[in-house]
N, C-alpha and C. Protein backbone atom coordinates (compact mmCIF):
# COMPACT_ATOMS: atom_id res chain seq x y z
N UNK A 1 88.91 81.90 50.53
CA UNK A 1 88.95 83.06 49.69
C UNK A 1 90.33 83.69 49.77
N UNK A 2 90.85 84.11 48.64
CA UNK A 2 92.15 84.73 48.55
C UNK A 2 92.07 86.13 49.14
N UNK A 3 92.93 86.42 50.10
CA UNK A 3 92.82 87.69 50.83
C UNK A 3 93.66 88.82 50.23
N UNK A 4 94.38 88.56 49.17
CA UNK A 4 95.15 89.63 48.54
C UNK A 4 94.44 90.12 47.29
N UNK A 5 94.82 91.28 46.84
CA UNK A 5 94.21 91.83 45.63
C UNK A 5 94.82 91.23 44.36
N UNK A 6 96.00 90.68 44.49
CA UNK A 6 96.66 90.09 43.33
C UNK A 6 96.07 88.71 43.07
N UNK A 7 95.68 88.47 41.84
CA UNK A 7 95.11 87.18 41.47
C UNK A 7 96.17 86.32 40.82
N UNK A 8 96.08 85.06 41.06
CA UNK A 8 96.97 84.11 40.41
C UNK A 8 96.51 83.94 38.96
N UNK A 9 97.44 83.66 38.07
CA UNK A 9 97.02 83.38 36.69
C UNK A 9 96.18 82.11 36.65
N UNK A 10 95.20 82.09 35.77
CA UNK A 10 94.31 80.93 35.68
C UNK A 10 95.08 79.69 35.22
N UNK A 11 96.09 79.88 34.37
CA UNK A 11 96.89 78.78 33.88
C UNK A 11 98.31 78.97 34.40
N UNK A 12 98.83 78.00 35.11
CA UNK A 12 100.10 78.17 35.82
C UNK A 12 101.32 77.58 35.10
N UNK A 13 101.11 76.67 34.16
CA UNK A 13 102.25 76.06 33.49
C UNK A 13 102.15 76.28 31.98
N UNK A 14 103.28 76.16 31.32
CA UNK A 14 103.30 76.31 29.87
C UNK A 14 102.49 75.19 29.22
N UNK A 15 102.57 73.98 29.76
CA UNK A 15 101.79 72.87 29.23
C UNK A 15 100.29 73.13 29.40
N UNK A 16 99.89 73.65 30.55
CA UNK A 16 98.49 73.98 30.77
C UNK A 16 98.00 75.04 29.80
N UNK A 17 98.85 76.04 29.54
CA UNK A 17 98.52 77.08 28.57
C UNK A 17 98.32 76.46 27.18
N UNK A 18 99.24 75.55 26.80
CA UNK A 18 99.16 74.92 25.48
C UNK A 18 97.89 74.08 25.34
N UNK A 19 97.55 73.33 26.36
CA UNK A 19 96.33 72.52 26.33
C UNK A 19 95.10 73.42 26.19
N UNK A 20 95.07 74.48 26.95
CA UNK A 20 93.95 75.42 26.87
C UNK A 20 93.84 76.01 25.47
N UNK A 21 94.96 76.45 24.90
CA UNK A 21 94.94 77.05 23.58
C UNK A 21 94.49 76.03 22.52
N UNK A 22 94.96 74.80 22.63
CA UNK A 22 94.55 73.76 21.69
C UNK A 22 93.06 73.45 21.80
N UNK A 23 92.51 73.48 23.00
CA UNK A 23 91.07 73.28 23.17
C UNK A 23 90.29 74.43 22.56
N UNK A 24 90.74 75.65 22.80
CA UNK A 24 90.06 76.82 22.26
C UNK A 24 90.09 76.84 20.74
N UNK A 25 91.19 76.37 20.15
CA UNK A 25 91.32 76.34 18.69
C UNK A 25 90.57 75.16 18.08
N UNK A 26 90.14 74.22 18.91
CA UNK A 26 89.42 73.05 18.40
C UNK A 26 90.33 71.94 17.91
N UNK A 27 91.61 71.99 18.26
CA UNK A 27 92.56 70.97 17.82
C UNK A 27 92.47 69.72 18.68
N UNK A 28 92.08 69.87 19.94
CA UNK A 28 91.88 68.72 20.82
C UNK A 28 90.53 68.86 21.51
N UNK A 29 90.02 67.74 21.97
CA UNK A 29 88.77 67.75 22.73
C UNK A 29 88.93 66.77 23.88
N UNK A 30 87.96 66.74 24.74
CA UNK A 30 88.00 65.88 25.91
C UNK A 30 87.02 64.73 25.73
N UNK A 31 87.45 63.52 26.08
CA UNK A 31 86.54 62.38 26.08
C UNK A 31 85.45 62.67 27.10
N UNK A 32 84.20 62.62 26.68
CA UNK A 32 83.08 62.95 27.56
C UNK A 32 82.94 61.95 28.71
N UNK A 33 83.31 60.71 28.47
CA UNK A 33 83.13 59.68 29.49
C UNK A 33 84.27 59.64 30.51
N UNK A 34 85.50 59.91 30.06
CA UNK A 34 86.66 59.70 30.93
C UNK A 34 87.53 60.92 31.16
N UNK A 35 87.39 61.95 30.35
CA UNK A 35 88.14 63.18 30.55
C UNK A 35 89.51 63.23 29.88
N UNK A 36 89.90 62.18 29.16
CA UNK A 36 91.19 62.19 28.47
C UNK A 36 91.14 63.17 27.30
N UNK A 37 92.24 63.84 27.04
CA UNK A 37 92.35 64.71 25.86
C UNK A 37 92.51 63.83 24.63
N UNK A 38 91.83 64.23 23.54
CA UNK A 38 91.92 63.49 22.29
C UNK A 38 92.26 64.47 21.16
N UNK A 39 93.14 64.07 20.29
CA UNK A 39 93.51 64.86 19.13
C UNK A 39 92.39 64.73 18.10
N UNK A 40 91.88 65.85 17.62
CA UNK A 40 90.80 65.83 16.64
C UNK A 40 91.32 65.63 15.21
N UNK A 41 92.65 65.69 15.02
CA UNK A 41 93.28 65.50 13.70
C UNK A 41 92.73 66.49 12.67
N UNK A 42 92.48 67.71 13.10
CA UNK A 42 91.99 68.77 12.23
C UNK A 42 93.17 69.68 11.86
N UNK A 43 93.67 69.58 10.62
CA UNK A 43 94.86 70.37 10.27
C UNK A 43 94.63 71.87 10.35
N UNK A 44 93.41 72.33 10.07
CA UNK A 44 93.12 73.76 10.16
C UNK A 44 93.16 74.25 11.60
N UNK A 45 92.64 73.46 12.52
CA UNK A 45 92.67 73.82 13.94
C UNK A 45 94.10 73.82 14.46
N UNK A 46 94.91 72.87 14.01
CA UNK A 46 96.33 72.83 14.42
C UNK A 46 97.05 74.09 13.94
N UNK A 47 96.85 74.45 12.67
CA UNK A 47 97.49 75.64 12.12
C UNK A 47 97.04 76.89 12.87
N UNK A 48 95.76 76.94 13.20
CA UNK A 48 95.23 78.09 13.94
C UNK A 48 95.87 78.18 15.33
N UNK A 49 96.00 77.04 16.01
CA UNK A 49 96.61 77.02 17.34
C UNK A 49 98.07 77.47 17.27
N UNK A 50 98.79 77.01 16.27
CA UNK A 50 100.20 77.40 16.13
C UNK A 50 100.31 78.88 15.82
N UNK A 51 99.42 79.39 14.98
CA UNK A 51 99.43 80.83 14.67
C UNK A 51 99.15 81.65 15.93
N UNK A 52 98.19 81.21 16.74
CA UNK A 52 97.88 81.91 17.99
C UNK A 52 99.07 81.88 18.94
N UNK A 53 99.72 80.73 19.03
CA UNK A 53 100.87 80.60 19.92
C UNK A 53 102.00 81.53 19.47
N UNK A 54 102.20 81.63 18.18
CA UNK A 54 103.26 82.49 17.65
C UNK A 54 102.93 83.97 17.88
N UNK A 55 101.66 84.33 17.71
CA UNK A 55 101.24 85.73 17.85
C UNK A 55 101.09 86.18 19.30
N UNK A 56 100.66 85.27 20.17
CA UNK A 56 100.35 85.63 21.56
C UNK A 56 100.93 84.63 22.55
N UNK A 57 102.26 84.51 22.59
CA UNK A 57 102.84 83.58 23.58
C UNK A 57 102.63 84.12 24.99
N UNK A 58 102.68 83.25 25.99
CA UNK A 58 102.54 83.72 27.38
C UNK A 58 103.69 84.67 27.74
N UNK A 59 103.48 85.46 28.75
CA UNK A 59 104.52 86.38 29.22
C UNK A 59 105.78 85.60 29.58
N UNK A 60 106.92 86.10 29.12
CA UNK A 60 108.19 85.49 29.45
C UNK A 60 108.57 84.30 28.59
N UNK A 61 107.76 83.98 27.58
CA UNK A 61 108.02 82.83 26.72
C UNK A 61 108.14 83.34 25.29
N UNK A 62 109.15 82.87 24.58
CA UNK A 62 109.32 83.28 23.19
C UNK A 62 108.28 82.58 22.31
N UNK A 63 108.07 83.14 21.14
CA UNK A 63 107.13 82.55 20.19
C UNK A 63 107.57 81.14 19.80
N UNK A 64 108.87 80.94 19.62
CA UNK A 64 109.38 79.61 19.26
C UNK A 64 109.16 78.60 20.38
N UNK A 65 109.34 79.03 21.63
CA UNK A 65 109.09 78.13 22.77
C UNK A 65 107.61 77.78 22.86
N UNK A 66 106.74 78.76 22.61
CA UNK A 66 105.30 78.52 22.68
C UNK A 66 104.88 77.52 21.60
N UNK A 67 105.38 77.69 20.39
CA UNK A 67 105.05 76.76 19.30
C UNK A 67 105.60 75.37 19.61
N UNK A 68 106.80 75.31 20.16
CA UNK A 68 107.38 74.01 20.53
C UNK A 68 106.52 73.30 21.56
N UNK A 69 105.99 74.04 22.53
CA UNK A 69 105.12 73.41 23.54
C UNK A 69 103.82 72.91 22.92
N UNK A 70 103.25 73.68 22.00
CA UNK A 70 102.05 73.24 21.29
C UNK A 70 102.33 71.91 20.59
N UNK A 71 103.45 71.84 19.88
CA UNK A 71 103.81 70.61 19.16
C UNK A 71 104.08 69.46 20.13
N UNK A 72 104.72 69.73 21.26
CA UNK A 72 104.97 68.67 22.26
C UNK A 72 103.66 68.11 22.80
N UNK A 73 102.71 68.99 23.09
CA UNK A 73 101.41 68.52 23.60
C UNK A 73 100.69 67.70 22.54
N UNK A 74 100.69 68.18 21.30
CA UNK A 74 100.04 67.43 20.23
C UNK A 74 100.68 66.06 20.04
N UNK A 75 102.00 65.99 20.16
CA UNK A 75 102.70 64.72 20.01
C UNK A 75 102.40 63.74 21.15
N UNK A 76 101.96 64.26 22.30
CA UNK A 76 101.71 63.40 23.45
C UNK A 76 100.26 62.94 23.56
N UNK A 77 99.40 63.41 22.67
CA UNK A 77 97.97 63.11 22.75
C UNK A 77 97.57 62.24 21.55
N UNK A 78 96.85 61.18 21.82
CA UNK A 78 96.36 60.31 20.75
C UNK A 78 94.97 60.73 20.30
N UNK A 79 94.46 60.03 19.30
CA UNK A 79 93.14 60.36 18.78
C UNK A 79 92.03 59.52 19.40
N UNK A 80 92.37 58.65 20.33
CA UNK A 80 91.38 57.81 20.99
C UNK A 80 91.61 57.83 22.50
N UNK A 81 90.53 57.70 23.23
CA UNK A 81 90.62 57.62 24.69
C UNK A 81 91.12 56.23 25.06
N UNK A 82 92.13 56.14 25.92
CA UNK A 82 92.66 54.81 26.30
C UNK A 82 91.68 53.97 27.11
N UNK A 83 90.65 54.59 27.69
CA UNK A 83 89.69 53.84 28.51
C UNK A 83 88.44 53.44 27.75
N UNK A 84 88.18 54.04 26.59
CA UNK A 84 87.00 53.69 25.82
C UNK A 84 87.26 52.37 25.07
N UNK A 85 86.25 51.54 24.95
CA UNK A 85 86.45 50.30 24.20
C UNK A 85 86.74 50.62 22.73
N UNK A 86 87.62 49.83 22.15
CA UNK A 86 87.97 50.03 20.74
C UNK A 86 86.77 49.70 19.86
N UNK A 87 86.56 50.53 18.85
CA UNK A 87 85.44 50.30 17.95
C UNK A 87 85.76 49.10 17.05
N UNK A 88 84.77 48.34 16.73
CA UNK A 88 84.93 47.22 15.80
C UNK A 88 85.43 45.93 16.43
N UNK A 89 85.57 45.91 17.75
CA UNK A 89 86.02 44.66 18.38
C UNK A 89 84.86 43.88 18.91
């Protein structure tokens, strides 16, 4: 148990913040079997996540940096889990 009154932030890195925001916006989801993040390819969810990042960036981060991190995370995530068997094979 933490013995101080000060609590650590739930999300400690900018990448972690971006992943959380993308999950909340519905732009990415988690593979139920393996836990990998998957891009849902939903343009409305992506736009919503970017709007949220621009409006509410983390403390100490500019809106442009927050949007850039959202885009970096989206660029690093595919739409299929690498451990799931490919469909149609």
